[in-house]
N, C-alpha and C. Protein backbone atom coordinates (compact mmCIF):
# COMPACT_ATOMS: atom_id res chain seq x y z
N UNK A 1 0.82 -1.16 0.00
CA UNK A 1 0.00 0.00 0.00
C UNK A 1 0.88 1.25 0.00
N UNK A 2 0.48 2.25 -0.76
CA UNK A 2 1.29 3.46 -0.87
C UNK A 2 0.92 4.51 0.17
N UNK A 3 -0.33 4.53 0.59
CA UNK A 3 -0.76 5.55 1.55
C UNK A 3 -0.99 4.85 2.88
N UNK A 4 -0.34 5.39 3.93
CA UNK A 4 -0.53 4.80 5.26
C UNK A 4 -1.67 5.49 5.99
N UNK A 5 -2.21 4.81 6.93
CA UNK A 5 -3.31 5.37 7.72
C UNK A 5 -2.78 6.42 8.69
N UNK A 6 -3.55 7.51 8.86
CA UNK A 6 -3.19 8.57 9.81
C UNK A 6 -4.14 8.49 10.99
N UNK A 7 -3.56 8.50 12.17
CA UNK A 7 -4.35 8.41 13.40
C UNK A 7 -4.16 9.69 14.21
N UNK A 8 -5.23 10.16 14.83
CA UNK A 8 -5.17 11.37 15.66
C UNK A 8 -4.41 11.08 16.93
N UNK A 9 -3.62 12.02 17.33
CA UNK A 9 -2.90 11.87 18.59
C UNK A 9 -3.78 12.34 19.73
N UNK A 10 -3.89 11.58 20.75
CA UNK A 10 -4.78 11.90 21.85
C UNK A 10 -4.09 12.73 22.92
N UNK A 11 -2.84 12.54 23.20
CA UNK A 11 -2.21 13.18 24.34
C UNK A 11 -1.43 14.43 23.98
N UNK A 12 -1.08 14.67 22.74
CA UNK A 12 -0.17 15.74 22.39
C UNK A 12 -0.79 17.12 22.29
N UNK A 13 -2.08 17.27 22.05
CA UNK A 13 -2.70 18.59 21.85
C UNK A 13 -2.98 19.26 23.18
N UNK A 14 -2.52 20.53 23.31
CA UNK A 14 -2.76 21.29 24.54
C UNK A 14 -3.91 22.27 24.31
N UNK A 15 -4.78 22.42 25.28
CA UNK A 15 -5.92 23.33 25.18
C UNK A 15 -5.46 24.76 25.50
N UNK A 16 -6.15 25.76 24.90
CA UNK A 16 -5.88 27.17 25.17
C UNK A 16 -6.45 27.50 26.55
N UNK A 17 -5.61 27.95 27.50
CA UNK A 17 -6.10 28.20 28.86
C UNK A 17 -7.03 29.42 28.96
N UNK A 18 -6.98 30.35 28.00
CA UNK A 18 -7.85 31.52 28.06
C UNK A 18 -9.19 31.27 27.39
N UNK A 19 -9.39 30.13 26.79
CA UNK A 19 -10.66 29.79 26.18
C UNK A 19 -10.96 30.59 24.92
N UNK A 20 -9.98 31.05 24.20
CA UNK A 20 -10.19 31.80 22.97
C UNK A 20 -10.44 33.28 23.18
N UNK A 21 -10.33 33.76 24.41
CA UNK A 21 -10.56 35.18 24.70
C UNK A 21 -9.50 36.06 24.07
N UNK A 22 -8.29 35.57 23.97
CA UNK A 22 -7.21 36.38 23.38
C UNK A 22 -7.46 36.61 21.88
N UNK A 23 -8.21 35.76 21.24
CA UNK A 23 -8.56 35.97 19.84
C UNK A 23 -9.56 37.11 19.67
N UNK A 24 -10.39 37.35 20.67
CA UNK A 24 -11.37 38.44 20.63
C UNK A 24 -10.82 39.76 21.15
N UNK A 25 -9.65 39.74 21.76
CA UNK A 25 -9.08 40.93 22.40
C UNK A 25 -8.90 42.10 21.41
N UNK A 26 -8.40 41.90 20.18
CA UNK A 26 -8.29 43.06 19.26
C UNK A 26 -9.64 43.69 18.92
N UNK A 27 -10.68 42.89 18.77
CA UNK A 27 -12.00 43.43 18.46
C UNK A 27 -12.53 44.23 19.64
N UNK A 28 -12.36 43.73 20.84
CA UNK A 28 -12.80 44.45 22.05
C UNK A 28 -12.03 45.75 22.20
N UNK A 29 -10.73 45.71 21.95
CA UNK A 29 -9.89 46.91 22.05
C UNK A 29 -10.31 47.96 21.01
N UNK A 30 -10.62 47.54 19.80
CA UNK A 30 -11.06 48.48 18.76
C UNK A 30 -12.40 49.11 19.15
N UNK A 31 -13.30 48.37 19.75
CA UNK A 31 -14.59 48.93 20.18
C UNK A 31 -14.39 49.97 21.28
N UNK A 32 -13.49 49.71 22.21
CA UNK A 32 -13.22 50.66 23.29
C UNK A 32 -12.63 51.95 22.72
N UNK A 33 -11.70 51.85 21.79
CA UNK A 33 -11.11 53.04 21.18
C UNK A 33 -12.18 53.81 20.40
N UNK A 34 -13.03 53.11 19.65
CA UNK A 34 -14.11 53.74 18.91
C UNK A 34 -15.05 54.49 19.85
N UNK A 35 -15.35 53.90 20.99
CA UNK A 35 -16.24 54.52 21.98
C UNK A 35 -15.67 55.85 22.47
N UNK A 36 -14.38 55.85 22.85
CA UNK A 36 -13.80 57.05 23.44
C UNK A 36 -13.46 58.12 22.41
N UNK A 37 -13.20 57.75 21.16
CA UNK A 37 -12.82 58.74 20.17
C UNK A 37 -13.98 59.26 19.34
N UNK A 38 -15.06 58.49 19.19
CA UNK A 38 -16.15 58.92 18.32
C UNK A 38 -17.50 59.02 19.01
N UNK A 39 -17.94 57.99 19.64
CA UNK A 39 -19.30 57.93 20.16
C UNK A 39 -19.48 58.84 21.38
N UNK A 40 -18.58 58.78 22.32
CA UNK A 40 -18.71 59.57 23.55
C UNK A 40 -18.71 61.08 23.29
N UNK A 41 -17.77 61.63 22.49
CA UNK A 41 -17.83 63.08 22.22
C UNK A 41 -19.09 63.50 21.46
N UNK A 42 -19.58 62.64 20.58
CA UNK A 42 -20.79 62.96 19.84
C UNK A 42 -22.00 63.01 20.76
N UNK A 43 -22.07 62.10 21.72
CA UNK A 43 -23.17 62.11 22.69
C UNK A 43 -23.09 63.35 23.58
N UNK A 44 -21.89 63.76 23.94
CA UNK A 44 -21.71 64.94 24.78
C UNK A 44 -22.15 66.20 24.04
N UNK A 45 -21.80 66.29 22.75
CA UNK A 45 -22.19 67.45 21.95
C UNK A 45 -23.71 67.50 21.76
N UNK A 46 -24.34 66.35 21.56
CA UNK A 46 -25.80 66.30 21.41
C UNK A 46 -26.49 66.73 22.70
N UNK A 47 -25.93 66.35 23.83
CA UNK A 47 -26.51 66.73 25.13
C UNK A 47 -26.41 68.24 25.35
N UNK A 48 -25.28 68.84 24.97
CA UNK A 48 -25.11 70.29 25.09
C UNK A 48 -26.08 71.03 24.16
N UNK A 49 -26.30 70.50 22.96
CA UNK A 49 -27.24 71.13 22.01
C UNK A 49 -28.66 71.07 22.56
N UNK A 50 -29.05 69.94 23.13
CA UNK A 50 -30.38 69.82 23.73
C UNK A 50 -30.57 70.83 24.84
N UNK A 51 -29.54 71.02 25.66
CA UNK A 51 -29.62 71.98 26.76
C UNK A 51 -29.77 73.41 26.21
N UNK A 52 -29.00 73.75 25.17
CA UNK A 52 -29.06 75.08 24.57
C UNK A 52 -30.43 75.33 23.95
N UNK A 53 -30.99 74.35 23.27
CA UNK A 53 -32.30 74.50 22.65
C UNK A 53 -33.38 74.65 23.72
N UNK A 54 -33.24 73.95 24.81
CA UNK A 54 -34.22 74.04 25.89
C UNK A 54 -34.22 75.39 26.60
N UNK A 55 -33.10 76.10 26.56
CA UNK A 55 -32.98 77.38 27.26
C UNK A 55 -33.22 78.59 26.36
N UNK A 56 -33.67 78.39 25.12
CA UNK A 56 -33.92 79.52 24.23
C UNK A 56 -35.06 80.37 24.75
N UNK A 57 -34.92 81.69 24.57
CA UNK A 57 -35.97 82.60 24.99
C UNK A 57 -36.06 83.78 24.02
N UNK A 58 -37.12 84.53 24.15
CA UNK A 58 -37.37 85.67 23.27
C UNK A 58 -36.24 86.69 23.42
N UNK A 59 -35.75 87.19 22.27
CA UNK A 59 -34.68 88.19 22.28
C UNK A 59 -33.29 87.61 22.05
N UNK A 60 -33.14 86.30 22.12
CA UNK A 60 -31.83 85.68 21.86
C UNK A 60 -31.49 85.79 20.38
N UNK A 61 -30.22 85.99 20.11
CA UNK A 61 -29.74 86.03 18.73
C UNK A 61 -29.10 84.68 18.42
N UNK A 62 -29.52 84.08 17.30
CA UNK A 62 -29.09 82.72 16.98
C UNK A 62 -28.69 82.62 15.51
N UNK A 63 -27.98 81.54 15.20
CA UNK A 63 -27.66 81.16 13.83
C UNK A 63 -28.21 79.76 13.63
N UNK A 64 -28.94 79.58 12.52
CA UNK A 64 -29.48 78.25 12.23
C UNK A 64 -28.40 77.38 11.62
N UNK A 65 -28.68 76.10 11.52
CA UNK A 65 -27.71 75.19 10.92
C UNK A 65 -27.54 75.47 9.43
N UNK A 66 -28.51 76.14 8.82
CA UNK A 66 -28.41 76.53 7.43
C UNK A 66 -27.63 77.83 7.22
N UNK A 67 -27.29 78.52 8.30
CA UNK A 67 -26.49 79.73 8.22
C UNK A 67 -27.27 81.03 8.31
N UNK A 68 -28.58 80.96 8.57
CA UNK A 68 -29.40 82.16 8.68
C UNK A 68 -29.31 82.71 10.10
N UNK A 69 -29.00 84.00 10.22
CA UNK A 69 -28.90 84.64 11.53
C UNK A 69 -30.15 85.47 11.79
N UNK A 70 -30.59 85.46 13.04
CA UNK A 70 -31.78 86.24 13.37
C UNK A 70 -32.00 86.32 14.87
N UNK A 71 -33.02 87.11 15.22
CA UNK A 71 -33.39 87.30 16.63
C UNK A 71 -34.71 86.58 16.88
N UNK A 72 -34.79 85.87 17.99
CA UNK A 72 -36.01 85.12 18.32
C UNK A 72 -37.10 86.10 18.75
N UNK A 73 -38.26 85.99 18.09
CA UNK A 73 -39.40 86.84 18.38
C UNK A 73 -40.43 86.07 19.20
N UNK A 74 -40.60 84.80 18.89
CA UNK A 74 -41.61 83.98 19.56
C UNK A 74 -41.05 82.57 19.73
N UNK A 75 -41.29 82.00 20.91
CA UNK A 75 -40.83 80.64 21.20
C UNK A 75 -42.04 79.75 21.43
N UNK A 76 -42.16 78.70 20.63
CA UNK A 76 -43.21 77.72 20.80
C UNK A 76 -42.63 76.44 21.38
N UNK A 77 -43.42 75.38 21.38
CA UNK A 77 -42.94 74.12 21.93
C UNK A 77 -41.92 73.46 21.01
N UNK A 78 -42.20 73.43 19.71
CA UNK A 78 -41.30 72.80 18.74
C UNK A 78 -40.72 73.78 17.74
N UNK A 79 -41.29 74.97 17.64
CA UNK A 79 -40.87 75.95 16.64
C UNK A 79 -40.54 77.28 17.30
N UNK A 80 -39.67 78.05 16.65
CA UNK A 80 -39.39 79.43 17.05
C UNK A 80 -39.59 80.32 15.83
N UNK A 81 -39.92 81.57 16.08
CA UNK A 81 -40.06 82.54 15.01
C UNK A 81 -38.87 83.49 15.09
N UNK A 82 -38.14 83.59 13.97
CA UNK A 82 -36.96 84.45 13.90
C UNK A 82 -37.26 85.69 13.08
N UNK A 83 -36.78 86.82 13.57
CA UNK A 83 -36.80 88.04 12.77
C UNK A 83 -35.44 88.11 12.09
N UNK A 84 -35.45 87.99 10.76
CA UNK A 84 -34.18 87.91 10.03
C UNK A 84 -33.80 89.21 9.33
N UNK A 85 -34.77 90.09 9.07
CA UNK A 85 -34.47 91.36 8.39
C UNK A 85 -35.67 92.29 8.54
N UNK A 86 -35.49 93.54 8.04
CA UNK A 86 -36.59 94.48 7.96
C UNK A 86 -36.73 94.90 6.52
N UNK A 87 -37.96 94.90 6.03
CA UNK A 87 -38.23 95.28 4.65
C UNK A 87 -39.38 96.28 4.66
N UNK A 88 -39.10 97.50 4.24
CA UNK A 88 -40.09 98.59 4.22
C UNK A 88 -40.75 98.76 5.59
N UNK A 89 -39.93 98.91 6.60
CA UNK A 89 -40.35 99.16 7.98
C UNK A 89 -41.22 98.06 8.59
N UNK A 90 -41.19 96.87 8.03
CA UNK A 90 -41.88 95.74 8.66
C UNK A 90 -40.90 94.57 8.74
N UNK A 91 -40.91 93.86 9.85
CA UNK A 91 -39.93 92.77 10.03
C UNK A 91 -40.26 91.56 9.14
N UNK A 92 -39.19 90.92 8.68
CA UNK A 92 -39.32 89.66 7.94
C UNK A 92 -39.11 88.55 8.95
N UNK A 93 -40.14 87.74 9.15
CA UNK A 93 -40.07 86.68 10.16
C UNK A 93 -40.14 85.32 9.49
N UNK A 94 -39.36 84.39 10.04
CA UNK A 94 -39.30 83.03 9.52
C UNK A 94 -39.55 82.09 10.69
N UNK A 95 -40.35 81.08 10.46
CA UNK A 95 -40.61 80.09 11.50
C UNK A 95 -39.77 78.85 11.21
N UNK A 96 -39.00 78.41 12.20
CA UNK A 96 -38.13 77.24 12.03
C UNK A 96 -38.28 76.31 13.23
N UNK A 97 -37.82 75.08 13.07
CA UNK A 97 -37.82 74.12 14.17
C UNK A 97 -36.72 74.49 15.16
N UNK A 98 -36.95 74.19 16.42
CA UNK A 98 -35.95 74.49 17.44
C UNK A 98 -34.65 73.71 17.20
N UNK A 99 -34.79 72.48 16.73
CA UNK A 99 -33.61 71.64 16.52
C UNK A 99 -32.72 72.15 15.39
N UNK A 100 -33.25 73.06 14.54
CA UNK A 100 -32.47 73.60 13.43
C UNK A 100 -31.56 74.74 13.87
N UNK A 101 -31.63 75.16 15.13
CA UNK A 101 -30.77 76.23 15.62
C UNK A 101 -29.41 75.63 15.94
N UNK A 102 -28.38 76.22 15.33
CA UNK A 102 -27.03 75.70 15.46
C UNK A 102 -26.24 76.31 16.59
N UNK A 103 -26.37 77.63 16.79
CA UNK A 103 -25.55 78.30 17.80
C UNK A 103 -26.27 79.52 18.34
N UNK A 104 -25.97 79.84 19.57
CA UNK A 104 -26.48 81.03 20.24
C UNK A 104 -25.40 82.10 20.13
N UNK A 105 -25.76 83.28 19.65
CA UNK A 105 -24.79 84.37 19.47
C UNK A 105 -24.81 85.30 20.68
N UNK A 106 -23.70 86.00 20.94
CA UNK A 106 -23.70 87.02 21.99
C UNK A 106 -24.62 88.18 21.60
N UNK A 107 -25.17 88.84 22.61
CA UNK A 107 -26.09 89.96 22.36
C UNK A 107 -25.38 91.06 21.56
N UNK A 108 -26.07 91.65 20.59
CA UNK A 108 -25.52 92.73 19.79
C UNK A 108 -24.76 92.28 18.56
N UNK A 109 -24.65 91.00 18.32
CA UNK A 109 -23.91 90.49 17.18
C UNK A 109 -24.58 90.85 15.87
N UNK A 110 -25.91 90.83 15.83
CA UNK A 110 -26.63 91.12 14.59
C UNK A 110 -26.45 92.56 14.12
N UNK A 111 -26.21 93.47 15.04
CA UNK A 111 -26.01 94.87 14.65
C UNK A 111 -24.69 95.06 13.93
N UNK A 112 -23.72 94.22 14.22
CA UNK A 112 -22.40 94.34 13.59
C UNK A 112 -22.34 93.65 12.22
N UNK A 113 -23.34 92.85 11.90
CA UNK A 113 -23.32 92.14 10.61
C UNK A 113 -23.75 93.02 9.47
C-alpha cells in the first residue's frame, strides 16, 4: 500500500487556557477606542445642544444650521419665530424648528453684521 493510515494523537494537543478570549481581544480593544474617540464626544455634543435649545428665549440672537442669523421673536414648543431682516419698515419673520438652531450668538452680534 502506498498511503498509510493517519491516526489522531490523543495526548499531544494542549488546550488554550484563556478559552479563545485572546482571539477576541483586538475586536474588544477596537470597540473601546471607537467609543472614546467617536461615540462619547458625539453624545456629549448632542446633550449640550439639547440643553441650549431648551434654554432659548425671546430676544436671543441665533444662527441656524443653514447659516441664517436672526433674533427670536416667539418661542413655541417645537418651533421658534426668527426676525431675520426688515423690509419697508416691517420685520421679515421666519418660523423654524428648534432643533435647526445651530448656535447662540452674543447679544448685539446682529447689529455688527
